[in-house]
Amino acid sequence: MRRQTALDVTLAAAKDGPPTAMTWVIMAFLLVMGLVQVIRPQLLWRMNRGLQRGYVKDVDATEPTRKGYALQRVVGVIFLGVLGWMFVSALT
């Protein structure tokens, strides 16, 4: 007898029925965040800037370089690809 993995349990739960309205709201929010990460990653840094106060000496010195922003864009494209797969999986 095959042992049930976490992936098997997740897939079984996903087949219980269509996605709820909250699932679509969360996925829409993730889509917006992914697009911001690809198009304007500087906005994400500015949003998180306030959270850094008290933890770093100079908040402005923690801003990523051009290469750092490029890497954020690459990760954003990968994230949007995974999110697209989630949308397709939810629709089928």
N, C-alpha and C. Protein backbone atom coordinates (compact mmCIF):
# COMPACT_ATOMS: atom_id res chain seq x y z
N MET A 1 0.84 -1.18 0.00
CA MET A 1 0.00 0.00 0.00
C MET A 1 0.89 1.24 0.00
N ARG A 2 0.55 2.17 -0.86
CA ARG A 2 1.33 3.38 -1.00
C ARG A 2 1.01 4.38 0.11
N ARG A 3 2.05 5.01 0.64
CA ARG A 3 1.87 6.01 1.69
C ARG A 3 1.39 7.32 1.08
N GLN A 4 0.42 7.94 1.72
CA GLN A 4 -0.14 9.19 1.22
C GLN A 4 0.77 10.35 1.59
N THR A 5 1.14 11.16 0.60
CA THR A 5 2.01 12.30 0.84
C THR A 5 1.17 13.56 1.02
N ALA A 6 1.84 14.63 1.40
CA ALA A 6 1.15 15.91 1.56
C ALA A 6 0.58 16.39 0.23
N LEU A 7 1.29 16.10 -0.87
CA LEU A 7 0.79 16.49 -2.19
C LEU A 7 -0.49 15.74 -2.52
N ASP A 8 -0.56 14.46 -2.18
CA ASP A 8 -1.78 13.69 -2.43
C ASP A 8 -2.96 14.26 -1.64
N VAL A 9 -2.72 14.64 -0.40
CA VAL A 9 -3.78 15.21 0.43
C VAL A 9 -4.24 16.55 -0.14
N THR A 10 -3.29 17.38 -0.58
CA THR A 10 -3.62 18.68 -1.15
C THR A 10 -4.43 18.52 -2.43
N LEU A 11 -4.01 17.61 -3.29
CA LEU A 11 -4.74 17.39 -4.54
C LEU A 11 -6.14 16.85 -4.28
N ALA A 12 -6.28 15.97 -3.30
CA ALA A 12 -7.60 15.44 -2.96
C ALA A 12 -8.50 16.55 -2.43
N ALA A 13 -7.94 17.45 -1.62
CA ALA A 13 -8.73 18.57 -1.09
C ALA A 13 -9.13 19.52 -2.21
N ALA A 14 -8.28 19.69 -3.20
CA ALA A 14 -8.58 20.59 -4.30
C ALA A 14 -9.68 20.04 -5.19
N LYS A 15 -9.84 18.73 -5.22
CA LYS A 15 -10.86 18.12 -6.08
C LYS A 15 -12.22 18.07 -5.41
N ASP A 16 -12.33 18.60 -4.20
CA ASP A 16 -13.60 18.57 -3.48
C ASP A 16 -14.67 19.44 -4.11
N GLY A 17 -14.27 20.44 -4.85
CA GLY A 17 -15.26 21.32 -5.47
C GLY A 17 -14.58 22.52 -6.10
N PRO A 18 -15.40 23.40 -6.65
CA PRO A 18 -14.81 24.60 -7.29
C PRO A 18 -14.22 25.53 -6.25
N PRO A 19 -13.29 26.38 -6.67
CA PRO A 19 -12.69 27.33 -5.73
C PRO A 19 -13.73 28.31 -5.19
N THR A 20 -13.53 28.71 -3.96
CA THR A 20 -14.45 29.67 -3.35
C THR A 20 -14.14 31.08 -3.82
N ALA A 21 -15.01 32.00 -3.49
CA ALA A 21 -14.81 33.40 -3.86
C ALA A 21 -13.55 33.96 -3.19
N MET A 22 -13.28 33.53 -1.96
CA MET A 22 -12.10 34.01 -1.26
C MET A 22 -10.82 33.56 -1.97
N THR A 23 -10.84 32.39 -2.56
CA THR A 23 -9.69 31.91 -3.32
C THR A 23 -9.38 32.88 -4.46
N TRP A 24 -10.41 33.34 -5.16
CA TRP A 24 -10.22 34.27 -6.28
C TRP A 24 -9.72 35.61 -5.80
N VAL A 25 -10.20 36.06 -4.63
CA VAL A 25 -9.75 37.34 -4.07
C VAL A 25 -8.26 37.26 -3.73
N ILE A 26 -7.86 36.17 -3.09
CA ILE A 26 -6.45 36.00 -2.72
C ILE A 26 -5.58 35.91 -3.96
N MET A 27 -6.04 35.17 -4.97
CA MET A 27 -5.26 35.04 -6.20
C MET A 27 -5.16 36.37 -6.94
N ALA A 28 -6.21 37.18 -6.90
CA ALA A 28 -6.16 38.51 -7.53
C ALA A 28 -5.16 39.40 -6.80
N PHE A 29 -5.16 39.35 -5.48
CA PHE A 29 -4.19 40.12 -4.70
C PHE A 29 -2.77 39.68 -5.03
N LEU A 30 -2.54 38.38 -5.12
CA LEU A 30 -1.22 37.87 -5.47
C LEU A 30 -0.81 38.28 -6.88
N LEU A 31 -1.78 38.34 -7.79
CA LEU A 31 -1.49 38.79 -9.15
C LEU A 31 -1.02 40.24 -9.16
N VAL A 32 -1.70 41.09 -8.41
CA VAL A 32 -1.31 42.50 -8.33
C VAL A 32 0.09 42.62 -7.73
N MET A 33 0.36 41.89 -6.66
CA MET A 33 1.68 41.95 -6.03
C MET A 33 2.77 41.44 -6.98
N GLY A 34 2.47 40.39 -7.74
CA GLY A 34 3.44 39.87 -8.70
C GLY A 34 3.72 40.87 -9.81
N LEU A 35 2.67 41.53 -10.30
CA LEU A 35 2.86 42.53 -11.35
C LEU A 35 3.68 43.72 -10.84
N VAL A 36 3.41 44.14 -9.61
CA VAL A 36 4.20 45.24 -9.04
C VAL A 36 5.66 44.81 -8.91
N GLN A 37 5.89 43.57 -8.52
CA GLN A 37 7.26 43.10 -8.37
C GLN A 37 8.00 43.08 -9.70
N VAL A 38 7.29 42.81 -10.79
CA VAL A 38 7.93 42.78 -12.11
C VAL A 38 8.07 44.19 -12.68
N ILE A 39 7.02 45.00 -12.57
CA ILE A 39 7.00 46.30 -13.22
C ILE A 39 7.74 47.36 -12.40
N ARG A 40 7.47 47.46 -11.11
CA ARG A 40 8.07 48.50 -10.25
C ARG A 40 8.50 47.92 -8.91
N PRO A 41 9.59 47.14 -8.86
CA PRO A 41 10.01 46.56 -7.58
C PRO A 41 10.40 47.61 -6.54
N GLN A 42 10.69 48.83 -6.99
CA GLN A 42 11.03 49.91 -6.06
C GLN A 42 9.86 50.20 -5.11
N LEU A 43 8.64 50.03 -5.61
CA LEU A 43 7.47 50.28 -4.75
C LEU A 43 7.43 49.31 -3.59
N LEU A 44 7.78 48.06 -3.83
CA LEU A 44 7.79 47.08 -2.74
C LEU A 44 8.84 47.45 -1.70
N TRP A 45 10.00 47.92 -2.17
CA TRP A 45 11.03 48.33 -1.22
C TRP A 45 10.53 49.52 -0.39
N ARG A 46 9.88 50.47 -1.03
CA ARG A 46 9.38 51.64 -0.30
C ARG A 46 8.31 51.24 0.72
N MET A 47 7.45 50.27 0.35
CA MET A 47 6.42 49.81 1.28
C MET A 47 7.05 49.14 2.50
N ASN A 48 8.11 48.37 2.30
CA ASN A 48 8.75 47.65 3.40
C ASN A 48 9.75 48.51 4.16
N ARG A 49 10.04 49.69 3.66
CA ARG A 49 11.03 50.57 4.27
C ARG A 49 10.67 50.90 5.71
N GLY A 50 9.42 51.17 5.96
CA GLY A 50 8.99 51.50 7.31
C GLY A 50 9.16 50.34 8.29
N LEU A 51 9.08 49.13 7.79
CA LEU A 51 9.25 47.96 8.65
C LEU A 51 10.70 47.76 9.07
N GLN A 52 11.63 48.39 8.35
CA GLN A 52 13.05 48.22 8.65
C GLN A 52 13.52 49.14 9.78
N ARG A 53 12.77 50.20 10.03
CA ARG A 53 13.18 51.14 11.08
C ARG A 53 13.27 50.40 12.41
N GLY A 54 14.34 50.66 13.12
CA GLY A 54 14.56 49.99 14.38
C GLY A 54 15.40 48.73 14.25
N TYR A 55 15.55 48.24 13.02
CA TYR A 55 16.34 47.03 12.79
C TYR A 55 17.64 47.31 12.04
N VAL A 56 17.68 48.40 11.30
CA VAL A 56 18.89 48.76 10.56
C VAL A 56 19.29 50.19 10.93
N LYS A 57 20.58 50.47 10.82
CA LYS A 57 21.07 51.81 11.20
C LYS A 57 20.64 52.87 10.20
N ASP A 58 20.79 52.58 8.91
CA ASP A 58 20.44 53.55 7.87
C ASP A 58 19.50 52.89 6.88
N VAL A 59 18.23 53.24 6.95
CA VAL A 59 17.22 52.62 6.09
C VAL A 59 17.53 52.83 4.62
N ASP A 60 18.02 54.03 4.27
CA ASP A 60 18.31 54.32 2.87
C ASP A 60 19.48 53.51 2.34
N ALA A 61 20.36 53.06 3.22
CA ALA A 61 21.51 52.26 2.78
C ALA A 61 21.12 50.83 2.42
N THR A 62 19.90 50.43 2.73
CA THR A 62 19.49 49.05 2.45
C THR A 62 18.80 48.91 1.10
N GLU A 63 18.67 50.00 0.34
CA GLU A 63 18.01 49.90 -0.97
C GLU A 63 18.83 49.02 -1.90
N PRO A 64 18.15 48.08 -2.60
CA PRO A 64 18.86 47.18 -3.50
C PRO A 64 19.51 47.93 -4.67
N THR A 65 20.53 47.32 -5.25
CA THR A 65 21.19 47.86 -6.43
C THR A 65 20.35 47.53 -7.67
N ARG A 66 20.82 47.94 -8.85
CA ARG A 66 20.12 47.61 -10.09
C ARG A 66 20.03 46.10 -10.27
N LYS A 67 21.13 45.41 -9.92
CA LYS A 67 21.12 43.94 -10.03
C LYS A 67 20.12 43.33 -9.06
N GLY A 68 19.99 43.93 -7.88
CA GLY A 68 19.02 43.45 -6.90
C GLY A 68 17.60 43.60 -7.41
N TYR A 69 17.31 44.75 -8.03
CA TYR A 69 15.98 44.94 -8.61
C TYR A 69 15.75 44.00 -9.79
N ALA A 70 16.79 43.74 -10.58
CA ALA A 70 16.66 42.80 -11.70
C ALA A 70 16.35 41.41 -11.19
N LEU A 71 16.99 41.01 -10.11
CA LEU A 71 16.71 39.70 -9.52
C LEU A 71 15.28 39.64 -9.00
N GLN A 72 14.81 40.72 -8.40
CA GLN A 72 13.42 40.77 -7.94
C GLN A 72 12.46 40.60 -9.11
N ARG A 73 12.79 41.20 -10.25
CA ARG A 73 11.94 41.06 -11.44
C ARG A 73 11.92 39.61 -11.94
N VAL A 74 13.08 38.95 -11.93
CA VAL A 74 13.15 37.55 -12.36
C VAL A 74 12.30 36.68 -11.43
N VAL A 75 12.42 36.90 -10.14
CA VAL A 75 11.61 36.14 -9.18
C VAL A 75 10.13 36.45 -9.39
N GLY A 76 9.80 37.69 -9.71
CA GLY A 76 8.41 38.06 -9.99
C GLY A 76 7.86 37.35 -11.21
N VAL A 77 8.68 37.19 -12.25
CA VAL A 77 8.23 36.48 -13.45
C VAL A 77 7.97 35.01 -13.12
N ILE A 78 8.87 34.41 -12.33
CA ILE A 78 8.67 33.02 -11.92
C ILE A 78 7.40 32.90 -11.08
N PHE A 79 7.21 33.85 -10.16
CA PHE A 79 6.02 33.87 -9.32
C PHE A 79 4.75 33.97 -10.17
N LEU A 80 4.76 34.86 -11.17
CA LEU A 80 3.58 35.01 -12.03
C LEU A 80 3.34 33.73 -12.84
N GLY A 81 4.40 33.04 -13.23
CA GLY A 81 4.24 31.77 -13.93
C GLY A 81 3.55 30.73 -13.05
N VAL A 82 3.98 30.64 -11.80
CA VAL A 82 3.34 29.71 -10.86
C VAL A 82 1.89 30.12 -10.60
N LEU A 83 1.67 31.42 -10.48
CA LEU A 83 0.30 31.90 -10.25
C LEU A 83 -0.59 31.61 -11.46
N GLY A 84 -0.03 31.75 -12.67
CA GLY A 84 -0.79 31.40 -13.88
C GLY A 84 -1.17 29.93 -13.87
N TRP A 85 -0.23 29.09 -13.44
CA TRP A 85 -0.53 27.66 -13.34
C TRP A 85 -1.65 27.42 -12.32
N MET A 86 -1.63 28.19 -11.21
CA MET A 86 -2.69 28.06 -10.21
C MET A 86 -4.05 28.48 -10.78
N PHE A 87 -4.07 29.55 -11.58
CA PHE A 87 -5.33 29.99 -12.21
C PHE A 87 -5.86 28.91 -13.14
N VAL A 88 -4.99 28.36 -13.96
CA VAL A 88 -5.43 27.31 -14.90
C VAL A 88 -5.91 26.08 -14.14
N SER A 89 -5.19 25.70 -13.08
CA SER A 89 -5.60 24.54 -12.28
C SER A 89 -6.95 24.78 -11.62
N ALA A 90 -7.19 26.02 -11.17
CA ALA A 90 -8.46 26.32 -10.51
C ALA A 90 -9.61 26.31 -11.49
N LEU A 91 -9.34 26.65 -12.74
CA LEU A 91 -10.41 26.69 -13.73
C LEU A 91 -10.74 25.32 -14.30
N THR A 92 -9.82 24.38 -14.19
CA THR A 92 -10.08 23.04 -14.76
C THR A 92 -10.48 22.05 -13.71
